[in-house]
Amino acid sequence: MRSTKDMLLKIFRYGKGNGDSAISYLLSAYTSAKKKRIPQPEVLYGNPDLIKMCIKSIPYKWKYTSGVLSFAPEDAPTQDELNAVIDTFEKMAFPGLEGNSYSILWV
């Protein structure tokens, strides 16, 4: 990856409900327009079932935050570079917390 200048971060406006539809969408082999995803979704870190249980246990109206980090095709980050981005993102999003203090799913 030459640079992350073309990396985009988008936080979605969703966050209500039990999380089933959001996680099912993330893991689906097809887009909402019924086009096959290439490449297929892959869970990088986290446990979808654990995330669903966490979301379902929250008694508030707004239960979760979801978003996407995306890269330009020419960036083609390596797994090590993705790991570094994930680590940096989590440190910024959850300052002072250890990894066992929050639940997150990376797909």
PDB file of N, CA and C in Angstrom:
ATOM      1  N   MET A   1       0.856  -1.156   0.000  1.00  0.00           N
ATOM      2  CA  MET A   1       0.000   0.000   0.000  1.00  0.00           C
ATOM      3  C   MET A   1       0.907   1.225   0.000  1.00  0.00           C
ATOM      4  N   ARG A   2       0.823   2.007  -1.017  1.00  0.00           N
ATOM      5  CA  ARG A   2       1.683   3.184  -1.131  1.00  0.00           C
ATOM      6  C   ARG A   2       1.316   4.256  -0.119  1.00  0.00           C
ATOM      7  N   SER A   3       0.037   4.493   0.069  1.00  0.00           N
ATOM      8  CA  SER A   3      -0.413   5.473   1.050  1.00  0.00           C
ATOM      9  C   SER A   3      -1.861   5.170   1.399  1.00  0.00           C
ATOM     10  N   THR A   4      -2.331   5.805   2.443  1.00  0.00           N
ATOM     11  CA  THR A   4      -3.741   5.649   2.795  1.00  0.00           C
ATOM     12  C   THR A   4      -4.522   6.906   2.444  1.00  0.00           C
ATOM     13  N   LYS A   5      -3.986   7.709   1.516  1.00  0.00           N
ATOM     14  CA  LYS A   5      -4.671   8.946   1.156  1.00  0.00           C
ATOM     15  C   LYS A   5      -6.026   8.678   0.538  1.00  0.00           C
ATOM     16  N   ASP A   6      -6.218   7.488  -0.033  1.00  0.00           N
ATOM     17  CA  ASP A   6      -7.487   7.160  -0.649  1.00  0.00           C
ATOM     18  C   ASP A   6      -8.375   6.313   0.251  1.00  0.00           C
ATOM     19  N   MET A   7      -7.976   6.126   1.513  1.00  0.00           N
ATOM     20  CA  MET A   7      -8.816   5.384   2.441  1.00  0.00           C
ATOM     21  C   MET A   7      -9.999   6.258   2.836  1.00  0.00           C
ATOM     22  N   LEU A   8     -11.163   5.670   2.856  1.00  0.00           N
ATOM     23  CA  LEU A   8     -12.373   6.387   3.258  1.00  0.00           C
ATOM     24  C   LEU A   8     -12.938   5.762   4.519  1.00  0.00           C
ATOM     25  N   LEU A   9     -13.457   6.586   5.392  1.00  0.00           N
ATOM     26  CA  LEU A   9     -14.156   6.136   6.591  1.00  0.00           C
ATOM     27  C   LEU A   9     -15.572   6.656   6.508  1.00  0.00           C
ATOM     28  N   LYS A  10     -16.526   5.784   6.653  1.00  0.00           N
ATOM     29  CA  LYS A  10     -17.928   6.193   6.681  1.00  0.00           C
ATOM     30  C   LYS A  10     -18.601   5.500   7.855  1.00  0.00           C
ATOM     31  N   ILE A  11     -19.254   6.284   8.696  1.00  0.00           N
ATOM     32  CA  ILE A  11     -20.037   5.758   9.798  1.00  0.00           C
ATOM     33  C   ILE A  11     -21.500   5.825   9.371  1.00  0.00           C
ATOM     34  N   PHE A  12     -22.199   4.714   9.488  1.00  0.00           N
ATOM     35  CA  PHE A  12     -23.585   4.640   9.031  1.00  0.00           C
ATOM     36  C   PHE A  12     -24.551   5.178  10.084  1.00  0.00           C
ATOM     37  N   ARG A  13     -25.735   5.511   9.645  1.00  0.00           N
ATOM     38  CA  ARG A  13     -26.755   6.075  10.532  1.00  0.00           C
ATOM     39  C   ARG A  13     -27.573   4.987  11.222  1.00  0.00           C
ATOM     40  N   TYR A  14     -27.262   3.742  10.971  1.00  0.00           N
ATOM     41  CA  TYR A  14     -28.000   2.638  11.568  1.00  0.00           C
ATOM     42  C   TYR A  14     -27.464   2.330  12.951  1.00  0.00           C
ATOM     43  N   GLY A  15     -28.217   1.603  13.743  1.00  0.00           N
ATOM     44  CA  GLY A  15     -27.760   1.228  15.065  1.00  0.00           C
ATOM     45  C   GLY A  15     -28.879   0.786  15.986  1.00  0.00           C
ATOM     46  N   LYS A  16     -30.074   0.653  15.416  1.00  0.00           N
ATOM     47  CA  LYS A  16     -31.219   0.183  16.195  1.00  0.00           C
ATOM     48  C   LYS A  16     -31.469  -1.283  15.843  1.00  0.00           C
ATOM     49  N   GLY A  17     -32.293  -1.923  16.621  1.00  0.00           N
ATOM     50  CA  GLY A  17     -32.668  -3.305  16.327  1.00  0.00           C
ATOM     51  C   GLY A  17     -31.703  -4.289  16.951  1.00  0.00           C
ATOM     52  N   ASN A  18     -31.831  -5.546  16.537  1.00  0.00           N
ATOM     53  CA  ASN A  18     -31.054  -6.610  17.177  1.00  0.00           C
ATOM     54  C   ASN A  18     -29.741  -6.929  16.474  1.00  0.00           C
ATOM     55  N   GLY A  19     -29.441  -6.251  15.377  1.00  0.00           N
ATOM     56  CA  GLY A  19     -28.172  -6.441  14.686  1.00  0.00           C
ATOM     57  C   GLY A  19     -28.153  -7.580  13.687  1.00  0.00           C
ATOM     58  N   ASP A  20     -29.183  -8.421  13.691  1.00  0.00           N
ATOM     59  CA  ASP A  20     -29.199  -9.573  12.779  1.00  0.00           C
ATOM     60  C   ASP A  20     -29.092  -9.157  11.316  1.00  0.00           C
ATOM     61  N   SER A  21     -29.905  -8.182  10.912  1.00  0.00           N
ATOM     62  CA  SER A  21     -29.898  -7.807   9.490  1.00  0.00           C
ATOM     63  C   SER A  21     -28.581  -7.148   9.093  1.00  0.00           C
ATOM     64  N   ALA A  22     -28.004  -6.342   9.977  1.00  0.00           N
ATOM     65  CA  ALA A  22     -26.731  -5.686   9.656  1.00  0.00           C
ATOM     66  C   ALA A  22     -25.615  -6.705   9.489  1.00  0.00           C
ATOM     67  N   ILE A  23     -25.536  -7.658  10.393  1.00  0.00           N
ATOM     68  CA  ILE A  23     -24.481  -8.665  10.319  1.00  0.00           C
ATOM     69  C   ILE A  23     -24.720  -9.615   9.159  1.00  0.00           C
ATOM     70  N   SER A  24     -25.971  -9.974   8.923  1.00  0.00           N
ATOM     71  CA  SER A  24     -26.280 -10.834   7.774  1.00  0.00           C
ATOM     72  C   SER A  24     -25.884 -10.153   6.468  1.00  0.00           C
ATOM     73  N   TYR A  25     -26.147  -8.845   6.372  1.00  0.00           N
ATOM     74  CA  TYR A  25     -25.762  -8.103   5.173  1.00  0.00           C
ATOM     75  C   TYR A  25     -24.248  -8.115   4.987  1.00  0.00           C
ATOM     76  N   LEU A  26     -23.519  -7.855   6.074  1.00  0.00           N
ATOM     77  CA  LEU A  26     -22.054  -7.843   5.990  1.00  0.00           C
ATOM     78  C   LEU A  26     -21.486  -9.173   5.512  1.00  0.00           C
ATOM     79  N   LEU A  27     -22.081 -10.255   5.955  1.00  0.00           N
ATOM     80  CA  LEU A  27     -21.551 -11.585   5.655  1.00  0.00           C
ATOM     81  C   LEU A  27     -22.141 -12.207   4.391  1.00  0.00           C
ATOM     82  N   SER A  28     -23.118 -11.547   3.788  1.00  0.00           N
ATOM     83  CA  SER A  28     -23.789 -12.101   2.615  1.00  0.00           C
ATOM     84  C   SER A  28     -22.864 -12.162   1.399  1.00  0.00           C
ATOM     85  N   ALA A  29     -23.034 -13.197   0.611  1.00  0.00           N
ATOM     86  CA  ALA A  29     -22.275 -13.350  -0.629  1.00  0.00           C
ATOM     87  C   ALA A  29     -22.792 -12.409  -1.720  1.00  0.00           C
ATOM     88  N   TYR A  30     -23.929 -11.745  -1.453  1.00  0.00           N
ATOM     89  CA  TYR A  30     -24.546 -10.878  -2.455  1.00  0.00           C
ATOM     90  C   TYR A  30     -24.823  -9.491  -1.884  1.00  0.00           C
ATOM     91  N   THR A  31     -24.779  -8.487  -2.757  1.00  0.00           N
ATOM     92  CA  THR A  31     -25.114  -7.118  -2.372  1.00  0.00           C
ATOM     93  C   THR A  31     -26.631  -6.993  -2.275  1.00  0.00           C
ATOM     94  N   SER A  32     -27.093  -5.832  -1.813  1.00  0.00           N
ATOM     95  CA  SER A  32     -28.538  -5.594  -1.754  1.00  0.00           C
ATOM     96  C   SER A  32     -29.156  -5.574  -3.154  1.00  0.00           C
ATOM     97  N   ALA A  33     -28.339  -5.341  -4.186  1.00  0.00           N
ATOM     98  CA  ALA A  33     -28.812  -5.366  -5.578  1.00  0.00           C
ATOM     99  C   ALA A  33     -28.700  -6.770  -6.182  1.00  0.00           C
ATOM    100  N   LYS A  34     -28.446  -7.774  -5.339  1.00  0.00           N
ATOM    101  CA  LYS A  34     -28.363  -9.184  -5.750  1.00  0.00           C
ATOM    102  C   LYS A  34     -27.179  -9.483  -6.663  1.00  0.00           C
ATOM    103  N   LYS A  35     -26.131  -8.659  -6.578  1.00  0.00           N
ATOM    104  CA  LYS A  35     -24.903  -8.924  -7.332  1.00  0.00           C
ATOM    105  C   LYS A  35     -23.935  -9.685  -6.433  1.00  0.00           C
ATOM    106  N   LYS A  36     -23.258 -10.657  -7.008  1.00  0.00           N
ATOM    107  CA  LYS A  36     -22.304 -11.440  -6.238  1.00  0.00           C
ATOM    108  C   LYS A  36     -21.118 -10.564  -5.848  1.00  0.00           C
ATOM    109  N   ARG A  37     -20.743 -10.633  -4.580  1.00  0.00           N
ATOM    110  CA  ARG A  37     -19.610  -9.840  -4.102  1.00  0.00           C
ATOM    111  C   ARG A  37     -18.296 -10.515  -4.466  1.00  0.00           C
ATOM    112  N   ILE A  38     -17.415  -9.701  -5.020  1.00  0.00           N
ATOM    113  CA  ILE A  38     -16.071 -10.178  -5.349  1.00  0.00           C
ATOM    114  C   ILE A  38     -15.096  -9.166  -4.789  1.00  0.00           C
ATOM    115  N   PRO A  39     -14.274  -9.544  -3.853  1.00  0.00           N
ATOM    116  CA  PRO A  39     -14.188 -10.862  -3.230  1.00  0.00           C
ATOM    117  C   PRO A  39     -15.321 -11.071  -2.224  1.00  0.00           C
ATOM    118  N   GLN A  40     -15.488 -12.310  -1.826  1.00  0.00           N
ATOM    119  CA  GLN A  40     -16.504 -12.656  -0.848  1.00  0.00           C
ATOM    120  C   GLN A  40     -16.125 -12.076   0.524  1.00  0.00           C
ATOM    121  N   PRO A  41     -17.128 -11.717   1.322  1.00  0.00           N
ATOM    122  CA  PRO A  41     -16.833 -11.205   2.660  1.00  0.00           C
ATOM    123  C   PRO A  41     -16.087 -12.243   3.498  1.00  0.00           C
ATOM    124  N   GLU A  42     -15.231 -11.748   4.356  1.00  0.00           N
ATOM    125  CA  GLU A  42     -14.429 -12.613   5.215  1.00  0.00           C
ATOM    126  C   GLU A  42     -14.330 -11.954   6.585  1.00  0.00           C
ATOM    127  N   VAL A  43     -14.589 -12.728   7.624  1.00  0.00           N
ATOM    128  CA  VAL A  43     -14.439 -12.203   8.973  1.00  0.00           C
ATOM    129  C   VAL A  43     -12.947 -12.149   9.280  1.00  0.00           C
ATOM    130  N   LEU A  44     -12.443 -10.931   9.511  1.00  0.00           N
ATOM    131  CA  LEU A  44     -11.033 -10.762   9.840  1.00  0.00           C
ATOM    132  C   LEU A  44     -10.801 -10.922  11.336  1.00  0.00           C
ATOM    133  N   TYR A  45     -11.668 -10.290  12.125  1.00  0.00           N
ATOM    134  CA  TYR A  45     -11.563 -10.363  13.580  1.00  0.00           C
ATOM    135  C   TYR A  45     -12.950 -10.273  14.173  1.00  0.00           C
ATOM    136  N   GLY A  46     -13.150 -10.926  15.281  1.00  0.00           N
ATOM    137  CA  GLY A  46     -14.421 -10.859  15.980  1.00  0.00           C
ATOM    138  C   GLY A  46     -15.281 -12.072  15.695  1.00  0.00           C
ATOM    139  N   ASN A  47     -16.365 -12.163  16.429  1.00  0.00           N
ATOM    140  CA  ASN A  47     -17.283 -13.286  16.329  1.00  0.00           C
ATOM    141  C   ASN A  47     -18.680 -12.737  16.074  1.00  0.00           C
ATOM    142  N   PRO A  48     -19.233 -12.977  14.884  1.00  0.00           N
ATOM    143  CA  PRO A  48     -20.561 -12.435  14.567  1.00  0.00           C
ATOM    144  C   PRO A  48     -21.638 -12.833  15.580  1.00  0.00           C
ATOM    145  N   ASP A  49     -21.614 -14.066  16.059  1.00  0.00           N
ATOM    146  CA  ASP A  49     -22.628 -14.509  17.018  1.00  0.00           C
ATOM    147  C   ASP A  49     -22.488 -13.777  18.352  1.00  0.00           C
ATOM    148  N   LEU A  50     -21.261 -13.550  18.794  1.00  0.00           N
ATOM    149  CA  LEU A  50     -21.028 -12.808  20.033  1.00  0.00           C
ATOM    150  C   LEU A  50     -21.503 -11.364  19.884  1.00  0.00           C
ATOM    151  N   ILE A  51     -21.225 -10.760  18.745  1.00  0.00           N
ATOM    152  CA  ILE A  51     -21.668  -9.384  18.499  1.00  0.00           C
ATOM    153  C   ILE A  51     -23.190  -9.313  18.533  1.00  0.00           C
ATOM    154  N   LYS A  52     -23.867 -10.274  17.898  1.00  0.00           N
ATOM    155  CA  LYS A  52     -25.342 -10.302  17.930  1.00  0.00           C
ATOM    156  C   LYS A  52     -25.846 -10.399  19.365  1.00  0.00           C
ATOM    157  N   MET A  53     -25.224 -11.269  20.166  1.00  0.00           N
ATOM    158  CA  MET A  53     -25.648 -11.415  21.562  1.00  0.00           C
ATOM    159  C   MET A  53     -25.450 -10.113  22.331  1.00  0.00           C
ATOM    160  N   CYS A  54     -24.324  -9.448  22.097  1.00  0.00           N
ATOM    161  CA  CYS A  54     -24.063  -8.167  22.770  1.00  0.00           C
ATOM    162  C   CYS A  54     -25.106  -7.135  22.387  1.00  0.00           C
ATOM    163  N   ILE A  55     -25.388  -7.019  21.099  1.00  0.00           N
ATOM    164  CA  ILE A  55     -26.373  -6.038  20.624  1.00  0.00           C
ATOM    165  C   ILE A  55     -27.742  -6.329  21.230  1.00  0.00           C
ATOM    166  N   LYS A  56     -28.139  -7.598  21.224  1.00  0.00           N
ATOM    167  CA  LYS A  56     -29.458  -7.971  21.760  1.00  0.00           C
ATOM    168  C   LYS A  56     -29.565  -7.712  23.260  1.00  0.00           C
ATOM    169  N   SER A  57     -28.447  -7.683  23.954  1.00  0.00           N
ATOM    170  CA  SER A  57     -28.484  -7.488  25.407  1.00  0.00           C
ATOM    171  C   SER A  57     -28.574  -6.016  25.809  1.00  0.00           C
ATOM    172  N   ILE A  58     -28.395  -5.114  24.875  1.00  0.00           N
ATOM    173  CA  ILE A  58     -28.406  -3.677  25.187  1.00  0.00           C
ATOM    174  C   ILE A  58     -29.856  -3.184  25.237  1.00  0.00           C
ATOM    175  N   PRO A  59     -30.267  -2.577  26.341  1.00  0.00           N
ATOM    176  CA  PRO A  59     -31.671  -2.187  26.498  1.00  0.00           C
ATOM    177  C   PRO A  59     -32.034  -0.839  25.858  1.00  0.00           C
ATOM    178  N   TYR A  60     -31.080  -0.156  25.263  1.00  0.00           N
ATOM    179  CA  TYR A  60     -31.334   1.181  24.731  1.00  0.00           C
ATOM    180  C   TYR A  60     -31.811   1.143  23.280  1.00  0.00           C
ATOM    181  N   LYS A  61     -32.377   2.258  22.833  1.00  0.00           N
ATOM    182  CA  LYS A  61     -32.859   2.372  21.454  1.00  0.00           C
ATOM    183  C   LYS A  61     -31.705   2.236  20.458  1.00  0.00           C
ATOM    184  N   TRP A  62     -30.622   2.979  20.682  1.00  0.00           N
ATOM    185  CA  TRP A  62     -29.438   2.919  19.819  1.00  0.00           C
ATOM    186  C   TRP A  62     -28.469   1.930  20.442  1.00  0.00           C
ATOM    187  N   LYS A  63     -28.163   0.839  19.721  1.00  0.00           N
ATOM    188  CA  LYS A  63     -27.433  -0.278  20.310  1.00  0.00           C
ATOM    189  C   LYS A  63     -26.034  -0.501  19.753  1.00  0.00           C
ATOM    190  N   TYR A  64     -25.781  -0.041  18.563  1.00  0.00           N
ATOM    191  CA  TYR A  64     -24.475  -0.299  17.960  1.00  0.00           C
ATOM    192  C   TYR A  64     -24.141   0.781  16.946  1.00  0.00           C
ATOM    193  N   THR A  65     -22.882   0.831  16.580  1.00  0.00           N
ATOM    194  CA  THR A  65     -22.394   1.720  15.531  1.00  0.00           C
ATOM    195  C   THR A  65     -21.738   0.846  14.475  1.00  0.00           C
ATOM    196  N   SER A  66     -22.007   1.151  13.230  1.00  0.00           N
ATOM    197  CA  SER A  66     -21.367   0.407  12.147  1.00  0.00           C
ATOM    198  C   SER A  66     -20.818   1.388  11.127  1.00  0.00           C
ATOM    199  N   GLY A  67     -19.822   0.925  10.420  1.00  0.00           N
ATOM    200  CA  GLY A  67     -19.199   1.778   9.421  1.00  0.00           C
ATOM    201  C   GLY A  67     -18.309   0.960   8.516  1.00  0.00           C
ATOM    202  N   VAL A  68     -17.593   1.656   7.663  1.00  0.00           N
ATOM    203  CA  VAL A  68     -16.715   0.989   6.713  1.00  0.00           C
ATOM    204  C   VAL A  68     -15.432   1.807   6.556  1.00  0.00           C
ATOM    205  N   LEU A  69     -14.338   1.093   6.484  1.00  0.00           N
ATOM    206  CA  LEU A  69     -13.061   1.658   6.057  1.00  0.00           C
ATOM    207  C   LEU A  69     -12.809   1.040   4.691  1.00  0.00           C
ATOM    208  N   SER A  70     -12.634   1.860   3.686  1.00  0.00           N
ATOM    209  CA  SER A  70     -12.417   1.316   2.345  1.00  0.00           C
ATOM    210  C   SER A  70     -11.203   1.973   1.706  1.00  0.00           C
ATOM    211  N   PHE A  71     -10.638   1.259   0.763  1.00  0.00           N
ATOM    212  CA  PHE A  71      -9.415   1.691   0.091  1.00  0.00           C
ATOM    213  C   PHE A  71      -9.626   1.715  -1.409  1.00  0.00           C
ATOM    214  N   ALA A  72      -8.860   2.557  -2.083  1.00  0.00           N
ATOM    215  CA  ALA A  72      -8.860   2.561  -3.544  1.00  0.00           C
ATOM    216  C   ALA A  72      -8.232   1.253  -4.019  1.00  0.00           C
ATOM    217  N   PRO A  73      -8.704   0.705  -5.132  1.00  0.00           N
ATOM    218  CA  PRO A  73      -8.166  -0.578  -5.614  1.00  0.00           C
ATOM    219  C   PRO A  73      -6.648  -0.578  -5.775  1.00  0.00           C
ATOM    220  N   GLU A  74      -6.091   0.546  -6.201  1.00  0.00           N
ATOM    221  CA  GLU A  74      -4.641   0.577  -6.420  1.00  0.00           C
ATOM    222  C   GLU A  74      -3.842   0.547  -5.115  1.00  0.00           C
ATOM    223  N   ASP A  75      -4.488   0.830  -3.985  1.00  0.00           N
ATOM    224  CA  ASP A  75      -3.785   0.744  -2.707  1.00  0.00           C
ATOM    225  C   ASP A  75      -3.474  -0.701  -2.342  1.00  0.00           C
ATOM    226  N   ALA A  76      -4.424  -1.604  -2.541  1.00  0.00           N
ATOM    227  CA  ALA A  76      -4.243  -3.039  -2.291  1.00  0.00           C
ATOM    228  C   ALA A  76      -3.423  -3.309  -1.033  1.00  0.00           C
ATOM    229  N   PRO A  77      -3.940  -2.928   0.147  1.00  0.00           N
ATOM    230  CA  PRO A  77      -3.163  -3.120   1.365  1.00  0.00           C
ATOM    231  C   PRO A  77      -2.894  -4.592   1.665  1.00  0.00           C
ATOM    232  N   THR A  78      -1.738  -4.855   2.212  1.00  0.00           N
ATOM    233  CA  THR A  78      -1.384  -6.208   2.641  1.00  0.00           C
ATOM    234  C   THR A  78      -2.091  -6.498   3.964  1.00  0.00           C
ATOM    235  N   GLN A  79      -2.055  -7.747   4.391  1.00  0.00           N
ATOM    236  CA  GLN A  79      -2.669  -8.092   5.675  1.00  0.00           C
ATOM    237  C   GLN A  79      -1.990  -7.358   6.828  1.00  0.00           C
ATOM    238  N   ASP A  80      -0.679  -7.219   6.770  1.00  0.00           N
ATOM    239  CA  ASP A  80       0.030  -6.475   7.809  1.00  0.00           C
ATOM    240  C   ASP A  80      -0.407  -5.005   7.842  1.00  0.00           C
ATOM    241  N   GLU A  81      -0.596  -4.414   6.678  1.00  0.00           N
ATOM    242  CA  GLU A  81      -1.053  -3.025   6.616  1.00  0.00           C
ATOM    243  C   GLU A  81      -2.484  -2.896   7.131  1.00  0.00           C
ATOM    244  N   LEU A  82      -3.343  -3.866   6.786  1.00  0.00           N
ATOM    245  CA  LEU A  82      -4.711  -3.852   7.313  1.00  0.00           C
ATOM    246  C   LEU A  82      -4.699  -3.982   8.831  1.00  0.00           C
ATOM    247  N   ASN A  83      -3.851  -4.869   9.344  1.00  0.00           N
ATOM    248  CA  ASN A  83      -3.740  -5.036  10.798  1.00  0.00           C
ATOM    249  C   ASN A  83      -3.333  -3.724  11.461  1.00  0.00           C
ATOM    250  N   ALA A  84      -2.415  -2.998  10.847  1.00  0.00           N
ATOM    251  CA  ALA A  84      -1.966  -1.719  11.398  1.00  0.00           C
ATOM    252  C   ALA A  84      -3.102  -0.692  11.388  1.00  0.00           C
ATOM    253  N   VAL A  85      -3.881  -0.652  10.312  1.00  0.00           N
ATOM    254  CA  VAL A  85      -5.018   0.272  10.229  1.00  0.00           C
ATOM    255  C   VAL A  85      -6.049  -0.085  11.294  1.00  0.00           C
ATOM    256  N   ILE A  86      -6.358  -1.369  11.431  1.00  0.00           N
ATOM    257  CA  ILE A  86      -7.327  -1.826  12.424  1.00  0.00           C
ATOM    258  C   ILE A  86      -6.855  -1.457  13.832  1.00  0.00           C
ATOM    259  N   ASP A  87      -5.594  -1.717  14.121  1.00  0.00           N
ATOM    260  CA  ASP A  87      -5.043  -1.412  15.437  1.00  0.00           C
ATOM    261  C   ASP A  87      -5.120   0.089  15.727  1.00  0.00           C
ATOM    262  N   THR A  88      -4.743   0.895  14.761  1.00  0.00           N
ATOM    263  CA  THR A  88      -4.788   2.351  14.929  1.00  0.00           C
ATOM    264  C   THR A  88      -6.222   2.837  15.114  1.00  0.00           C
ATOM    265  N   PHE A  89      -7.136   2.309  14.314  1.00  0.00           N
ATOM    266  CA  PHE A  89      -8.546   2.700  14.423  1.00  0.00           C
ATOM    267  C   PHE A  89      -9.084   2.374  15.814  1.00  0.00           C
ATOM    268  N   GLU A  90      -8.822   1.160  16.292  1.00  0.00           N
ATOM    269  CA  GLU A  90      -9.338   0.757  17.599  1.00  0.00           C
ATOM    270  C   GLU A  90      -8.743   1.609  18.723  1.00  0.00           C
ATOM    271  N   LYS A  91      -7.477   1.957  18.612  1.00  0.00           N
ATOM    272  CA  LYS A  91      -6.864   2.810  19.640  1.00  0.00           C
ATOM    273  C   LYS A  91      -7.495   4.198  19.647  1.00  0.00           C
ATOM    274  N   MET A  92      -7.859   4.706  18.476  1.00  0.00           N
ATOM    275  CA  MET A  92      -8.495   6.021  18.393  1.00  0.00           C
ATOM    276  C   MET A  92      -9.961   5.961  18.816  1.00  0.00           C
ATOM    277  N   ALA A  93     -10.655   4.886  18.464  1.00  0.00           N
ATOM    278  CA  ALA A  93     -12.075   4.768  18.765  1.00  0.00           C
ATOM    279  C   ALA A  93     -12.335   4.406  20.229  1.00  0.00           C
ATOM    280  N   PHE A  94     -11.411   3.675  20.830  1.00  0.00           N
ATOM    281  CA  PHE A  94     -11.595   3.191  22.195  1.00  0.00           C
ATOM    282  C   PHE A  94     -10.388   3.541  23.069  1.00  0.00           C
ATOM    283  N   PRO A  95     -10.074   4.827  23.208  1.00  0.00           N
ATOM    284  CA  PRO A  95      -8.862   5.210  23.951  1.00  0.00           C
ATOM    285  C   PRO A  95      -8.908   4.728  25.398  1.00  0.00           C
ATOM    286  N   GLY A  96      -7.797   4.156  25.839  1.00  0.00           N
ATOM    287  CA  GLY A  96      -7.678   3.708  27.219  1.00  0.00           C
ATOM    288  C   GLY A  96      -8.294   2.355  27.500  1.00  0.00           C
ATOM    289  N   LEU A  97      -8.983   1.774  26.524  1.00  0.00           N
ATOM    290  CA  LEU A  97      -9.600   0.469  26.734  1.00  0.00           C
ATOM    291  C   LEU A  97      -8.722  -0.636  26.148  1.00  0.00           C
ATOM    292  N   GLU A  98      -8.702  -1.747  26.826  1.00  0.00           N
ATOM    293  CA  GLU A  98      -8.027  -2.935  26.310  1.00  0.00           C
ATOM    294  C   GLU A  98      -8.989  -3.656  25.371  1.00  0.00           C
ATOM    295  N   GLY A  99      -8.460  -4.517  24.506  1.00  0.00           N
ATOM    296  CA  GLY A  99      -9.278  -5.235  23.529  1.00  0.00           C
ATOM    297  C   GLY A  99     -10.378  -6.085  24.129  1.00  0.00           C
ATOM    298  N   ASN A 100     -10.232  -6.497  25.384  1.00  0.00           N
ATOM    299  CA  ASN A 100     -11.280  -7.309  26.006  1.00  0.00           C
ATOM    300  C   ASN A 100     -12.352  -6.448  26.684  1.00  0.00           C
ATOM    301  N   SER A 101     -12.277  -5.124  26.502  1.00  0.00           N
ATOM    302  CA  SER A 101     -13.247  -4.205  27.104  1.00  0.00           C
ATOM    303  C   SER A 101     -14.315  -3.742  26.115  1.00  0.00           C
ATOM    304  N   TYR A 102     -14.224  -4.148  24.881  1.00  0.00           N
ATOM    305  CA  TYR A 102     -15.218  -3.789  23.867  1.00  0.00           C
ATOM    306  C   TYR A 102     -15.342  -4.941  22.873  1.00  0.00           C
ATOM    307  N   SER A 103     -16.460  -4.950  22.162  1.00  0.00           N
ATOM    308  CA  SER A 103     -16.691  -5.984  21.146  1.00  0.00           C
ATOM    309  C   SER A 103     -16.749  -5.322  19.785  1.00  0.00           C
ATOM    310  N   ILE A 104     -16.059  -5.924  18.837  1.00  0.00           N
ATOM    311  CA  ILE A 104     -16.005  -5.349  17.487  1.00  0.00           C
ATOM    312  C   ILE A 104     -15.907  -6.481  16.480  1.00  0.00           C
ATOM    313  N   LEU A 105     -16.457  -6.252  15.328  1.00  0.00           N
ATOM    314  CA  LEU A 105     -16.431  -7.234  14.239  1.00  0.00           C
ATOM    315  C   LEU A 105     -15.823  -6.575  13.017  1.00  0.00           C
ATOM    316  N   TRP A 106     -14.749  -7.146  12.506  1.00  0.00           N
ATOM    317  CA  TRP A 106     -14.096  -6.648  11.291  1.00  0.00           C
ATOM    318  C   TRP A 106     -14.350  -7.652  10.164  1.00  0.00           C
ATOM    319  N   VAL A 107     -15.023  -7.191   9.110  1.00  0.00           N
ATOM    320  CA  VAL A 107     -15.326  -8.043   7.956  1.00  0.00           C
ATOM    321  C   VAL A 107     -14.669  -7.432   6.739  1.00  0.00           C
TER     322      VAL A 107
END
